[in-house]
Amino acid sequence: MSDVMINDGDPFSEPPFMKSLLMLDHERKVLRARSHSEWVAWWVVSGAHRAVARYEDEGLRIVTSFLGLDLTHGDRPEGPHGFESIVYQNGKHIDDDTYATWDEAERGHAAMVARYTGTF
């Protein structure tokens, strides 16, 4: 048995990582998972529905997707940031940003593409 306590010793309290597990509803709104098993079940069937946008051209790749995890660990007043854009140049990670909503992620992706391709 592990000596690591993930819930302050209370067997009925929620482990801290549960607050970081996020899902999308059918309208692409972010929801917190009620349990790890609910999140896993959602993750398995959500597949391509997590992809927001993708850009690739001449060694530049910008990928924006819903990760299903709160990347801010609850530290942002606007809510959890479960979306991320990552920019790769010739396979090397050169930039990233996070977002709270699908709409913000779409706008953020477009801004990243404009910044790195010079199209404003």
Protein backbone atom coordinates (compact mmCIF):
# COMPACT_ATOMS: atom_id res chain seq x y z
CA MET A 1 0.00 0.00 0.00
CA SER A 2 1.24 3.48 -0.87
CA ASP A 3 2.22 6.00 1.80
CA VAL A 4 1.12 8.86 -0.47
CA MET A 5 -2.04 10.62 0.72
CA ILE A 6 -4.02 12.20 -2.09
CA ASN A 7 -7.05 13.23 -0.06
CA ASP A 8 -5.78 14.38 3.35
CA GLY A 9 -6.54 10.97 4.87
CA ASP A 10 -10.31 11.21 4.40
CA PRO A 11 -11.38 8.20 2.30
CA PHE A 12 -14.56 10.01 1.24
CA SER A 13 -13.04 13.31 0.14
CA GLU A 14 -12.32 14.08 -3.48
CA PRO A 15 -8.67 13.69 -4.58
CA PRO A 16 -7.14 17.07 -5.55
CA PHE A 17 -6.63 16.04 -9.20
CA MET A 18 -10.40 15.67 -9.67
CA LYS A 19 -10.77 19.45 -9.80
CA SER A 20 -8.55 19.42 -12.89
CA LEU A 21 -10.58 16.92 -14.95
CA LEU A 22 -12.69 18.72 -17.56
CA MET A 23 -15.12 17.63 -20.26
CA LEU A 24 -17.08 19.33 -23.06
CA ASP A 25 -20.85 19.13 -23.37
CA HIS A 26 -22.66 18.89 -26.73
CA GLU A 27 -22.47 22.71 -27.07
CA ARG A 28 -18.70 22.72 -26.44
CA LYS A 29 -19.10 24.23 -22.97
CA VAL A 30 -16.55 23.19 -20.34
CA LEU A 31 -17.78 21.05 -17.45
CA ARG A 32 -15.92 19.61 -14.48
CA ALA A 33 -16.04 15.81 -14.32
CA ARG A 34 -17.96 14.43 -11.34
CA SER A 35 -15.69 11.39 -11.12
CA HIS A 36 -12.58 9.94 -12.66
CA SER A 37 -14.60 7.16 -14.29
CA GLU A 38 -17.00 9.70 -15.86
CA TRP A 39 -14.02 11.61 -17.28
CA VAL A 40 -12.36 8.46 -18.64
CA ALA A 41 -15.61 7.34 -20.31
CA TRP A 42 -16.04 10.80 -21.88
CA TRP A 43 -12.37 10.90 -23.00
CA VAL A 44 -12.64 7.54 -24.77
CA VAL A 45 -15.64 8.55 -26.88
CA SER A 46 -14.82 12.24 -27.45
CA GLY A 47 -11.87 11.65 -29.82
CA ALA A 48 -11.77 14.12 -32.71
CA HIS A 49 -14.37 16.33 -30.99
CA ARG A 50 -11.53 17.71 -28.87
CA ALA A 51 -9.64 19.15 -31.87
CA VAL A 52 -10.26 22.89 -32.28
CA ALA A 53 -7.95 23.79 -35.18
CA ARG A 54 -4.71 22.83 -36.89
CA TYR A 55 -2.31 24.68 -39.21
CA GLU A 56 0.69 23.16 -41.00
CA ASP A 57 2.98 24.70 -43.61
CA GLU A 58 6.73 24.53 -44.31
CA GLY A 59 7.87 23.26 -40.92
CA LEU A 60 5.40 25.35 -38.95
CA ARG A 61 2.69 23.47 -37.07
CA ILE A 62 0.09 25.06 -34.78
CA VAL A 63 -2.30 22.74 -32.99
CA THR A 64 -5.17 23.88 -30.80
CA SER A 65 -7.21 21.37 -28.84
CA PHE A 66 -9.19 20.67 -25.71
CA LEU A 67 -6.96 18.73 -23.33
CA GLY A 68 -9.53 17.76 -20.70
CA LEU A 69 -7.35 19.12 -17.90
CA ASP A 70 -7.35 22.49 -16.16
CA LEU A 71 -3.93 23.83 -17.12
CA THR A 72 -4.21 26.68 -14.58
CA HIS A 73 -5.02 24.44 -11.61
CA GLY A 74 -7.95 26.72 -10.76
CA ASP A 75 -5.80 29.86 -10.55
CA ARG A 76 -7.67 32.00 -13.11
CA PRO A 77 -10.77 34.08 -12.27
CA GLU A 78 -12.28 33.41 -15.72
CA GLY A 79 -12.39 29.71 -14.96
CA PRO A 80 -10.42 26.65 -15.91
CA HIS A 81 -8.22 26.70 -18.99
CA GLY A 82 -8.73 23.35 -20.70
CA PHE A 83 -7.73 24.46 -24.22
CA GLU A 84 -4.21 24.92 -25.49
CA SER A 85 -2.47 26.10 -28.66
CA ILE A 86 1.05 24.80 -29.20
CA VAL A 87 3.38 26.12 -31.89
CA TYR A 88 6.14 23.94 -33.35
CA GLN A 89 8.83 25.10 -35.77
CA ASN A 90 10.62 22.19 -37.44
CA GLY A 91 9.44 19.92 -34.64
CA LYS A 92 10.62 22.19 -31.81
CA HIS A 93 8.08 23.63 -29.36
CA ILE A 94 8.44 27.42 -29.56
CA ASP A 95 5.23 28.87 -28.10
CA ASP A 96 1.94 28.04 -26.43
CA ASP A 97 -1.11 29.63 -24.86
CA THR A 98 -4.17 28.45 -22.93
CA TYR A 99 -7.85 29.38 -23.10
CA ALA A 100 -11.02 28.98 -21.05
CA THR A 101 -13.58 28.48 -23.86
CA TRP A 102 -13.85 26.96 -27.33
CA ASP A 103 -14.45 30.43 -28.83
CA GLU A 104 -11.34 31.82 -27.11
CA ALA A 105 -9.36 28.83 -28.40
CA GLU A 106 -10.52 29.48 -31.98
CA ARG A 107 -9.57 33.16 -31.72
CA GLY A 108 -6.27 32.29 -30.03
CA HIS A 109 -5.43 29.78 -32.76
CA ALA A 110 -6.14 32.36 -35.48
CA ALA A 111 -3.94 34.88 -33.63
CA MET A 112 -1.09 32.36 -33.37
CA VAL A 113 -1.32 31.57 -37.09
CA ALA A 114 -1.32 35.28 -37.91
CA ARG A 115 1.66 35.92 -35.60
CA TYR A 116 3.80 33.15 -37.06
CA THR A 117 2.83 33.48 -40.72
CA GLY A 118 2.70 37.27 -40.88
CA THR A 119 -0.93 37.29 -42.01
CA PHE A 120 -2.87 39.90 -40.05
